[in-house]
PDB file of N, CA and C in Angstrom:
ATOM      1  N   ARG A   1     103.047  70.931 129.280  1.00  0.00           N
ATOM      2  CA  ARG A   1     103.088  72.061 128.757  1.00  0.00           C
ATOM      3  C   ARG A   1     103.814  72.783 129.770  1.00  0.00           C
ATOM      4  N   ASN A   2     104.995  73.685 129.262  1.00  0.00           N
ATOM      5  CA  ASN A   2     105.767  74.545 130.033  1.00  0.00           C
ATOM      6  C   ASN A   2     105.604  76.155 129.235  1.00  0.00           C
ATOM      7  N   ILE A   3     104.349  76.686 129.589  1.00  0.00           N
ATOM      8  CA  ILE A   3     104.430  77.939 129.137  1.00  0.00           C
ATOM      9  C   ILE A   3     104.291  78.982 130.358  1.00  0.00           C
ATOM     10  N   SER A   4     104.953  80.465 130.260  1.00  0.00           N
ATOM     11  CA  SER A   4     104.955  81.077 131.363  1.00  0.00           C
ATOM     12  C   SER A   4     103.642  81.834 131.140  1.00  0.00           C
ATOM     13  N   ARG A   5     103.040  82.420 132.463  1.00  0.00           N
ATOM     14  CA  ARG A   5     101.519  83.197 132.568  1.00  0.00           C
ATOM     15  C   ARG A   5     102.010  84.321 131.680  1.00  0.00           C
ATOM     16  N   GLU A   6     102.952  84.792 131.062  1.00  0.00           N
ATOM     17  CA  GLU A   6     102.866  86.180 130.087  1.00  0.00           C
ATOM     18  C   GLU A   6     102.674  85.598 128.972  1.00  0.00           C
ATOM     19  N   GLN A   7     103.269  84.096 128.597  1.00  0.00           N
ATOM     20  CA  GLN A   7     102.820  83.875 127.124  1.00  0.00           C
ATOM     21  C   GLN A   7     101.388  83.302 127.497  1.00  0.00           C
ATOM     22  N   GLU A   8     100.639  82.928 128.300  1.00  0.00           N
ATOM     23  CA  GLU A   8      99.276  82.331 128.422  1.00  0.00           C
ATOM     24  C   GLU A   8      98.547  83.561 128.173  1.00  0.00           C
ATOM     25  N   LYS A   9      98.464  85.011 128.827  1.00  0.00           N
ATOM     26  CA  LYS A   9      97.938  86.045 128.789  1.00  0.00           C
ATOM     27  C   LYS A   9      98.142  86.724 127.447  1.00  0.00           C
ATOM     28  N   ARG A  10      99.717  86.703 126.404  1.00  0.00           N
ATOM     29  CA  ARG A  10      99.201  86.837 125.102  1.00  0.00           C
ATOM     30  C   ARG A  10      98.777  85.851 124.322  1.00  0.00           C
ATOM     31  N   GLU A  11      98.223  84.705 124.688  1.00  0.00           N
ATOM     32  CA  GLU A  11      97.861  84.122 123.470  1.00  0.00           C
ATOM     33  C   GLU A  11      95.970  84.213 123.884  1.00  0.00           C
ATOM     34  N   GLY A  12      95.499  84.404 125.371  1.00  0.00           N
ATOM     35  CA  GLY A  12      94.764  84.747 125.294  1.00  0.00           C
ATOM     36  C   GLY A  12      94.120  85.818 125.141  1.00  0.00           C
ATOM     37  N   ARG A  13      94.573  87.283 124.598  1.00  0.00           N
ATOM     38  CA  ARG A  13      94.399  88.394 124.185  1.00  0.00           C
ATOM     39  C   ARG A  13      94.384  88.018 122.494  1.00  0.00           C
ATOM     40  N   THR A  14      95.081  87.358 122.229  1.00  0.00           N
ATOM     41  CA  THR A  14      95.156  86.824 120.776  1.00  0.00           C
ATOM     42  C   THR A  14      93.836  86.239 120.202  1.00  0.00           C
ATOM     43  N   LYS A  15      93.681  85.501 120.856  1.00  0.00           N
ATOM     44  CA  LYS A  15      92.618  84.646 120.761  1.00  0.00           C
ATOM     45  C   LYS A  15      91.639  85.745 121.380  1.00  0.00           C
ATOM     46  N   GLU A  16      91.184  86.647 121.991  1.00  0.00           N
ATOM     47  CA  GLU A  16      89.820  87.448 122.299  1.00  0.00           C
ATOM     48  C   GLU A  16      90.115  88.370 121.301  1.00  0.00           C
ATOM     49  N   LEU A  17      91.409  89.111 120.264  1.00  0.00           N
ATOM     50  CA  LEU A  17      91.317  89.388 118.790  1.00  0.00           C
ATOM     51  C   LEU A  17      90.668  88.906 117.952  1.00  0.00           C
ATOM     52  N   ILE A  18      90.995  87.709 117.816  1.00  0.00           N
ATOM     53  CA  ILE A  18      90.414  87.258 116.732  1.00  0.00           C
ATOM     54  C   ILE A  18      89.152  87.082 116.256  1.00  0.00           C
ATOM     55  N   ARG A  19      88.381  86.471 117.459  1.00  0.00           N
ATOM     56  CA  ARG A  19      86.903  86.595 117.771  1.00  0.00           C
ATOM     57  C   ARG A  19      86.334  88.087 117.290  1.00  0.00           C
ATOM     58  N   MET A  20      84.984  87.848 116.543  1.00  0.00           N
ATOM     59  CA  MET A  20      84.651  88.897 116.011  1.00  0.00           C
ATOM     60  C   MET A  20      84.066  90.035 117.122  1.00  0.00           C
ATOM     61  N   ALA A  21      83.507  89.595 118.408  1.00  0.00           N
ATOM     62  CA  ALA A  21      83.676  90.236 119.800  1.00  0.00           C
ATOM     63  C   ALA A  21      84.987  91.046 120.245  1.00  0.00           C
ATOM     64  N   GLY A  22      85.601  90.213 119.643  1.00  0.00           N
ATOM     65  CA  GLY A  22      87.103  90.997 120.493  1.00  0.00           C
ATOM     66  C   GLY A  22      87.612  92.443 119.284  1.00  0.00           C
ATOM     67  N   ILE A  23      87.108  92.148 117.780  1.00  0.00           N
ATOM     68  CA  ILE A  23      87.556  92.934 116.938  1.00  0.00           C
ATOM     69  C   ILE A  23      86.386  94.336 117.467  1.00  0.00           C
ATOM     70  N   GLN A  24      85.399  93.585 117.501  1.00  0.00           N
ATOM     71  CA  GLN A  24      84.553  94.824 117.931  1.00  0.00           C
ATOM     72  C   GLN A  24      84.773  95.816 119.148  1.00  0.00           C
ATOM     73  N   GLY A  25      84.650  94.832 119.757  1.00  0.00           N
ATOM     74  CA  GLY A  25      85.080  95.465 121.611  1.00  0.00           C
ATOM     75  C   GLY A  25      86.641  96.691 121.195  1.00  0.00           C
ATOM     76  N   LYS A  26      87.277  96.409 120.320  1.00  0.00           N
ATOM     77  CA  LYS A  26      88.869  97.081 120.185  1.00  0.00           C
ATOM     78  C   LYS A  26      88.372  97.957 119.617  1.00  0.00           C
ATOM     79  N   PHE A  27      87.771  97.986 118.413  1.00  0.00           N
ATOM     80  CA  PHE A  27      87.297  99.422 117.611  1.00  0.00           C
ATOM     81  C   PHE A  27      86.349 100.264 118.634  1.00  0.00           C
ATOM     82  N   SER A  28      85.806  99.837 119.389  1.00  0.00           N
ATOM     83  CA  SER A  28      84.752 100.315 120.249  1.00  0.00           C
ATOM     84  C   SER A  28      85.554 101.362 121.197  1.00  0.00           C
ATOM     85  N   SER A  29      86.466 100.768 121.596  1.00  0.00           N
ATOM     86  CA  SER A  29      87.640 101.284 122.797  1.00  0.00           C
ATOM     87  C   SER A  29      88.334 102.033 122.044  1.00  0.00           C
ATOM     88  N   MET A  30      89.062 102.081 120.941  1.00  0.00           N
ATOM     89  CA  MET A  30      89.908 102.997 119.874  1.00  0.00           C
ATOM     90  C   MET A  30      88.905 104.362 119.947  1.00  0.00           C
ATOM     91  N   LEU A  31      87.351 103.645 119.096  1.00  0.00           N
ATOM     92  CA  LEU A  31      86.644 104.909 118.965  1.00  0.00           C
ATOM     93  C   LEU A  31      86.629 105.974 120.026  1.00  0.00           C
ATOM     94  N   THR A  32      86.188 105.746 121.129  1.00  0.00           N
ATOM     95  CA  THR A  32      85.838 105.842 122.281  1.00  0.00           C
ATOM     96  C   THR A  32      87.102 106.819 122.542  1.00  0.00           C
ATOM     97  N   ASN A  33      88.429 106.488 122.684  1.00  0.00           N
ATOM     98  CA  ASN A  33      89.600 107.140 122.935  1.00  0.00           C
ATOM     99  C   ASN A  33      89.695 108.336 122.168  1.00  0.00           C
ATOM    100  N   THR A  34      89.563 107.970 120.943  1.00  0.00           N
ATOM    101  CA  THR A  34      89.575 109.241 119.908  1.00  0.00           C
ATOM    102  C   THR A  34      88.668 110.158 119.805  1.00  0.00           C
ATOM    103  N   VAL A  35      87.616 109.863 120.054  1.00  0.00           N
ATOM    104  CA  VAL A  35      86.550 110.730 120.796  1.00  0.00           C
ATOM    105  C   VAL A  35      87.044 111.819 121.386  1.00  0.00           C
ATOM    106  N   ASP A  36      86.959 111.020 122.991  1.00  0.00           N
ATOM    107  CA  ASP A  36      87.380 111.525 123.842  1.00  0.00           C
ATOM    108  C   ASP A  36      89.366 112.380 123.979  1.00  0.00           C
ATOM    109  N   TYR A  37      89.731 112.319 123.112  1.00  0.00           N
ATOM    110  CA  TYR A  37      91.048 112.902 122.519  1.00  0.00           C
ATOM    111  C   TYR A  37      90.779 113.989 121.996  1.00  0.00           C
ATOM    112  N   TYR A  38      90.115 113.978 120.802  1.00  0.00           N
ATOM    113  CA  TYR A  38      89.993 115.260 119.671  1.00  0.00           C
ATOM    114  C   TYR A  38      88.982 116.263 120.324  1.00  0.00           C
ATOM    115  N   LYS A  39      88.093 115.642 120.836  1.00  0.00           N
ATOM    116  CA  LYS A  39      86.544 116.572 120.904  1.00  0.00           C
ATOM    117  C   LYS A  39      86.892 117.846 122.122  1.00  0.00           C
ATOM    118  N   PRO A  40      87.998 117.903 122.994  1.00  0.00           N
ATOM    119  CA  PRO A  40      87.905 119.309 123.099  1.00  0.00           C
ATOM    120  C   PRO A  40      89.003 120.261 122.681  1.00  0.00           C
ATOM    121  N   LEU A  41      89.648 119.491 122.058  1.00  0.00           N
ATOM    122  CA  LEU A  41      90.459 120.203 120.946  1.00  0.00           C
ATOM    123  C   LEU A  41      89.980 120.862 119.602  1.00  0.00           C
ATOM    124  N   PHE A  42      88.660 120.091 119.363  1.00  0.00           N
ATOM    125  CA  PHE A  42      88.135 120.673 118.239  1.00  0.00           C
ATOM    126  C   PHE A  42      86.967 121.336 118.596  1.00  0.00           C
ATOM    127  N   ARG A  43      86.917 121.780 119.669  1.00  0.00           N
ATOM    128  CA  ARG A  43      85.868 122.927 120.763  1.00  0.00           C
ATOM    129  C   ARG A  43      86.656 123.858 120.919  1.00  0.00           C
ATOM    130  N   SER A  44      88.020 123.471 121.792  1.00  0.00           N
ATOM    131  CA  SER A  44      88.994 124.892 121.714  1.00  0.00           C
ATOM    132  C   SER A  44      89.760 125.359 119.845  1.00  0.00           C
ATOM    133  N   GLY A  45      88.926 125.132 119.409  1.00  0.00           N
ATOM    134  CA  GLY A  45      89.912 125.399 117.915  1.00  0.00           C
ATOM    135  C   GLY A  45      90.901 125.434 117.796  1.00  0.00           C
ATOM    136  N   SER A  46      91.820 123.961 118.398  1.00  0.00           N
ATOM    137  CA  SER A  46      93.161 123.792 118.231  1.00  0.00           C
ATOM    138  C   SER A  46      93.115 123.869 117.066  1.00  0.00           C
ATOM    139  N   CYS A  47      94.553 123.487 116.162  1.00  0.00           N
ATOM    140  CA  CYS A  47      94.742 123.241 115.037  1.00  0.00           C
ATOM    141  C   CYS A  47      95.476 121.898 115.019  1.00  0.00           C
ATOM    142  N   LYS A  48      95.574 121.234 115.631  1.00  0.00           N
ATOM    143  CA  LYS A  48      95.952 119.878 115.993  1.00  0.00           C
ATOM    144  C   LYS A  48      95.358 118.681 115.454  1.00  0.00           C
ATOM    145  N   PRO A  49      94.585 119.128 115.553  1.00  0.00           N
ATOM    146  CA  PRO A  49      93.792 117.877 114.956  1.00  0.00           C
ATOM    147  C   PRO A  49      93.773 118.166 113.052  1.00  0.00           C
ATOM    148  N   LEU A  50      93.648 119.311 112.589  1.00  0.00           N
ATOM    149  CA  LEU A  50      93.765 119.256 111.247  1.00  0.00           C
ATOM    150  C   LEU A  50      95.309 118.713 110.871  1.00  0.00           C
ATOM    151  N   TRP A  51      96.443 119.254 111.709  1.00  0.00           N
ATOM    152  CA  TRP A  51      97.629 118.530 111.249  1.00  0.00           C
ATOM    153  C   TRP A  51      97.579 116.898 111.064  1.00  0.00           C
ATOM    154  N   HIS A  52      96.653 116.514 112.650  1.00  0.00           N
ATOM    155  CA  HIS A  52      97.090 115.019 112.418  1.00  0.00           C
ATOM    156  C   HIS A  52      95.983 114.578 111.158  1.00  0.00           C
ATOM    157  N   ILE A  53      94.968 115.144 110.774  1.00  0.00           N
ATOM    158  CA  ILE A  53      94.468 114.634 109.530  1.00  0.00           C
ATOM    159  C   ILE A  53      95.082 114.921 108.078  1.00  0.00           C
ATOM    160  N   MET A  54      95.972 115.958 108.392  1.00  0.00           N
ATOM    161  CA  MET A  54      96.881 116.325 106.902  1.00  0.00           C
ATOM    162  C   MET A  54      97.715 115.082 106.873  1.00  0.00           C
ATOM    163  N   VAL A  55      98.223 114.676 108.140  1.00  0.00           N
ATOM    164  CA  VAL A  55      99.838 113.779 108.205  1.00  0.00           C
ATOM    165  C   VAL A  55      99.021 112.347 108.121  1.00  0.00           C
ATOM    166  N   ALA A  56      98.067 112.149 108.652  1.00  0.00           N
ATOM    167  CA  ALA A  56      97.535 110.619 108.209  1.00  0.00           C
ATOM    168  C   ALA A  56      97.073 110.853 106.528  1.00  0.00           C
ATOM    169  N   THR A  57      96.355 111.275 106.233  1.00  0.00           N
ATOM    170  CA  THR A  57      96.162 111.624 104.823  1.00  0.00           C
ATOM    171  C   THR A  57      97.255 111.685 103.781  1.00  0.00           C
ATOM    172  N   GLY A  58      98.100 112.271 104.095  1.00  0.00           N
ATOM    173  CA  GLY A  58      99.543 111.926 103.487  1.00  0.00           C
ATOM    174  C   GLY A  58      99.990 110.888 103.333  1.00  0.00           C
ATOM    175  N   VAL A  59     100.233 109.986 104.747  1.00  0.00           N
ATOM    176  CA  VAL A  59     100.809 108.491 104.686  1.00  0.00           C
ATOM    177  C   VAL A  59      99.807 107.655 104.133  1.00  0.00           C
ATOM    178  N   ILE A  60      98.312 107.780 104.224  1.00  0.00           N
ATOM    179  CA  ILE A  60      97.700 107.132 103.230  1.00  0.00           C
ATOM    180  C   ILE A  60      97.966 106.932 102.094  1.00  0.00           C
ATOM    181  N   MET A  61      97.570 108.358 101.568  1.00  0.00           N
ATOM    182  CA  MET A  61      98.277 108.742  99.757  1.00  0.00           C
ATOM    183  C   MET A  61      99.314 108.073  99.457  1.00  0.00           C
ATOM    184  N   TYR A  62     100.507 108.294 100.224  1.00  0.00           N
ATOM    185  CA  TYR A  62     101.415 107.703  99.839  1.00  0.00           C
ATOM    186  C   TYR A  62     102.068 106.493  99.580  1.00  0.00           C
ATOM    187  N   THR A  63     101.696 105.395 100.629  1.00  0.00           N
ATOM    188  CA  THR A  63     101.188 104.237 100.601  1.00  0.00           C
ATOM    189  C   THR A  63     100.518 103.398  99.457  1.00  0.00           C
ATOM    190  N   GLN A  64      99.229 104.124  99.754  1.00  0.00           N
ATOM    191  CA  GLN A  64      98.384 103.544  98.702  1.00  0.00           C
ATOM    192  C   GLN A  64      99.235 103.701  96.979  1.00  0.00           C
ATOM    193  N   ASN A  65      99.448 105.049  97.252  1.00  0.00           N
ATOM    194  CA  ASN A  65     100.549 105.085  95.465  1.00  0.00           C
ATOM    195  C   ASN A  65     101.512 104.134  95.314  1.00  0.00           C
ATOM    196  N   TYR A  66     102.129 104.338  96.373  1.00  0.00           N
ATOM    197  CA  TYR A  66     103.595 103.492  96.375  1.00  0.00           C
ATOM    198  C   TYR A  66     102.743 101.864  96.011  1.00  0.00           C
ATOM    199  N   ILE A  67     101.920 101.613  96.966  1.00  0.00           N
ATOM    200  CA  ILE A  67     101.748  99.891  96.827  1.00  0.00           C
ATOM    201  C   ILE A  67     101.072  99.782  95.380  1.00  0.00           C
ATOM    202  N   PHE A  68      99.810 100.733  95.108  1.00  0.00           N
ATOM    203  CA  PHE A  68      98.890  99.884  93.826  1.00  0.00           C
ATOM    204  C   PHE A  68      99.695 100.754  92.395  1.00  0.00           C
ATOM    205  N   ASN A  69     100.617 101.922  92.381  1.00  0.00           N
ATOM    206  CA  ASN A  69     100.804 102.328  90.836  1.00  0.00           C
ATOM    207  C   ASN A  69     102.565 102.339  90.625  1.00  0.00           C
ATOM    208  N   LYS A  70     103.406 102.425  91.810  1.00  0.00           N
ATOM    209  CA  LYS A  70     104.853 102.857  91.624  1.00  0.00           C
ATOM    210  C   LYS A  70     105.790 101.694  92.028  1.00  0.00           C
ATOM    211  N   GLY A  71     105.223 101.158  92.962  1.00  0.00           N
ATOM    212  CA  GLY A  71     106.298  99.818  93.757  1.00  0.00           C
ATOM    213  C   GLY A  71     106.698  99.177  92.317  1.00  0.00           C
ATOM    214  N   VAL A  72     106.008  98.212  91.984  1.00  0.00           N
ATOM    215  CA  VAL A  72     106.507  97.428  91.204  1.00  0.00           C
ATOM    216  C   VAL A  72     106.677  97.531  89.614  1.00  0.00           C
ATOM    217  N   HIS A  73     106.261  98.975  89.523  1.00  0.00           N
ATOM    218  CA  HIS A  73     106.233  99.448  87.947  1.00  0.00           C
ATOM    219  C   HIS A  73     108.399  99.962  88.181  1.00  0.00           C
ATOM    220  N   VAL A  74     108.126 100.839  89.213  1.00  0.00           N
ATOM    221  CA  VAL A  74     109.067 101.483  89.343  1.00  0.00           C
ATOM    222  C   VAL A  74     110.302 100.518  89.288  1.00  0.00           C
ATOM    223  N   GLN A  75     110.229  99.268  90.384  1.00  0.00           N
ATOM    224  CA  GLN A  75     111.550  97.970  90.150  1.00  0.00           C
ATOM    225  C   GLN A  75     111.766  97.669  89.017  1.00  0.00           C
ATOM    226  N   ALA A  76     110.526  97.584  88.341  1.00  0.00           N
ATOM    227  CA  ALA A  76     110.896  96.856  86.888  1.00  0.00           C
ATOM    228  C   ALA A  76     111.713  97.860  85.851  1.00  0.00           C
ATOM    229  N   ALA A  77     110.710  99.014  85.533  1.00  0.00           N
ATOM    230  CA  ALA A  77     112.077  99.919  84.948  1.00  0.00           C
ATOM    231  C   ALA A  77     113.272 100.229  85.264  1.00  0.00           C
ATOM    232  N   ARG A  78     113.290 100.142  86.889  1.00  0.00           N
ATOM    233  CA  ARG A  78     115.017 100.023  87.267  1.00  0.00           C
ATOM    234  C   ARG A  78     116.182  98.978  86.923  1.00  0.00           C
ATOM    235  N   LYS A  79     115.078  97.821  86.566  1.00  0.00           N
ATOM    236  CA  LYS A  79     115.783  96.582  86.241  1.00  0.00           C
ATOM    237  C   LYS A  79     116.106  96.411  84.795  1.00  0.00           C
ATOM    238  N   GLU A  80     115.121  97.008  84.026  1.00  0.00           N
ATOM    239  CA  GLU A  80     115.113  97.067  82.659  1.00  0.00           C
ATOM    240  C   GLU A  80     116.400  97.983  82.312  1.00  0.00           C
ATOM    241  N   GLN A  81     116.633  99.039  82.794  1.00  0.00           N
ATOM    242  CA  GLN A  81     117.564 100.311  82.530  1.00  0.00           C
ATOM    243  C   GLN A  81     118.518  99.666  83.026  1.00  0.00           C
ATOM    244  N   LYS A  82     118.712  98.807  84.007  1.00  0.00           N
ATOM    245  CA  LYS A  82     120.358  98.278  84.743  1.00  0.00           C
ATOM    246  C   LYS A  82     120.569  97.569  83.472  1.00  0.00           C
ATOM    247  N   ILE A  83     119.581  96.580  82.676  1.00  0.00           N
ATOM    248  CA  ILE A  83     119.832  95.568  81.689  1.00  0.00           C
ATOM    249  C   ILE A  83     120.741  96.146  80.583  1.00  0.00           C
ATOM    250  N   ALA A  84     119.650  97.106  80.066  1.00  0.00           N
ATOM    251  CA  ALA A  84     120.031  98.313  78.941  1.00  0.00           C
ATOM    252  C   ALA A  84     121.363  98.828  78.954  1.00  0.00           C
ATOM    253  N   LEU A  85     121.750  99.261  80.406  1.00  0.00           N
ATOM    254  CA  LEU A  85     122.978  99.929  80.573  1.00  0.00           C
ATOM    255  C   LEU A  85     123.758  99.491  80.356  1.00  0.00           C
ATOM    256  N   GLY A  86     123.805  97.923  81.142  1.00  0.00           N
ATOM    257  CA  GLY A  86     124.599  96.866  80.676  1.00  0.00           C
ATOM    258  C   GLY A  86     125.307  96.180  79.175  1.00  0.00           C
ATOM    259  N   GLU A  87     124.515  96.137  79.001  1.00  0.00           N
ATOM    260  CA  GLU A  87     124.483  95.901  77.618  1.00  0.00           C
ATOM    261  C   GLU A  87     125.257  96.966  76.730  1.00  0.00           C
ATOM    262  N   TYR A  88     124.803  98.224  76.970  1.00  0.00           N
ATOM    263  CA  TYR A  88     125.161  99.457  76.239  1.00  0.00           C
ATOM    264  C   TYR A  88     126.889  99.133  76.476  1.00  0.00           C
ATOM    265  N   TYR A  89     127.167  99.204  77.721  1.00  0.00           N
ATOM    266  CA  TYR A  89     128.655  99.430  78.226  1.00  0.00           C
ATOM    267  C   TYR A  89     129.356  98.025  77.150  1.00  0.00           C
ATOM    268  N   GLU A  90     128.562  97.073  77.585  1.00  0.00           N
ATOM    269  CA  GLU A  90     129.295  96.103  76.868  1.00  0.00           C
ATOM    270  C   GLU A  90     129.720  95.983  75.719  1.00  0.00           C
ATOM    271  N   ARG A  91     128.867  96.575  74.831  1.00  0.00           N
ATOM    272  CA  ARG A  91     129.146  96.817  73.439  1.00  0.00           C
ATOM    273  C   ARG A  91     130.025  98.338  73.062  1.00  0.00           C
ATOM    274  N   HIS A  92     130.008  99.313  73.809  1.00  0.00           N
ATOM    275  CA  HIS A  92     130.688  99.902  73.592  1.00  0.00           C
ATOM    276  C   HIS A  92     131.562 100.876  74.893  1.00  0.00           C
ATOM    277  N   GLY A  93     131.795 100.192  75.733  1.00  0.00           N
ATOM    278  CA  GLY A  93     132.908 100.081  76.765  1.00  0.00           C
ATOM    279  C   GLY A  93     132.246 101.639  77.692  1.00  0.00           C
ATOM    280  N   LYS A  94     132.851 101.417  78.552  1.00  0.00           N
ATOM    281  CA  LYS A  94     132.234 102.354  79.613  1.00  0.00           C
ATOM    282  C   LYS A  94     133.311 103.813  79.709  1.00  0.00           C
ATOM    283  N   ALA A  95     132.540 104.458  79.521  1.00  0.00           N
ATOM    284  CA  ALA A  95     134.222 105.878  79.328  1.00  0.00           C
ATOM    285  C   ALA A  95     133.542 107.240  80.206  1.00  0.00           C
ATOM    286  N   ALA A  96     134.163 107.579  80.632  1.00  0.00           N
ATOM    287  CA  ALA A  96     133.952 108.725  81.663  1.00  0.00           C
ATOM    288  C   ALA A  96     133.582 109.807  80.889  1.00  0.00           C
ATOM    289  N   HIS A  97     132.514 110.818  80.862  1.00  0.00           N
ATOM    290  CA  HIS A  97     132.196 112.079  80.315  1.00  0.00           C
ATOM    291  C   HIS A  97     132.910 113.589  80.553  1.00  0.00           C
TER     292      HIS A  97
END
């Protein structure tokens, strides 16, 4: 089997992440890094954490709204409108207003 060292390392990291201990370790590391980054900002009264929270909330809410509420429904409505408009033009012709 001809696999480069880089591919072996990548496979090893993937297997590590798949295991529960790897997931817990990664989460713990991310949590520690986040606390280390934001703790001084909160203590100094910086507005940067507030902006980060607001942006994250907006992204999460927009994504959730699109996936669960609007995505499929809007696409279905557009398809229905396109078909209806095509039928209308077929019957009445397409005239400029």
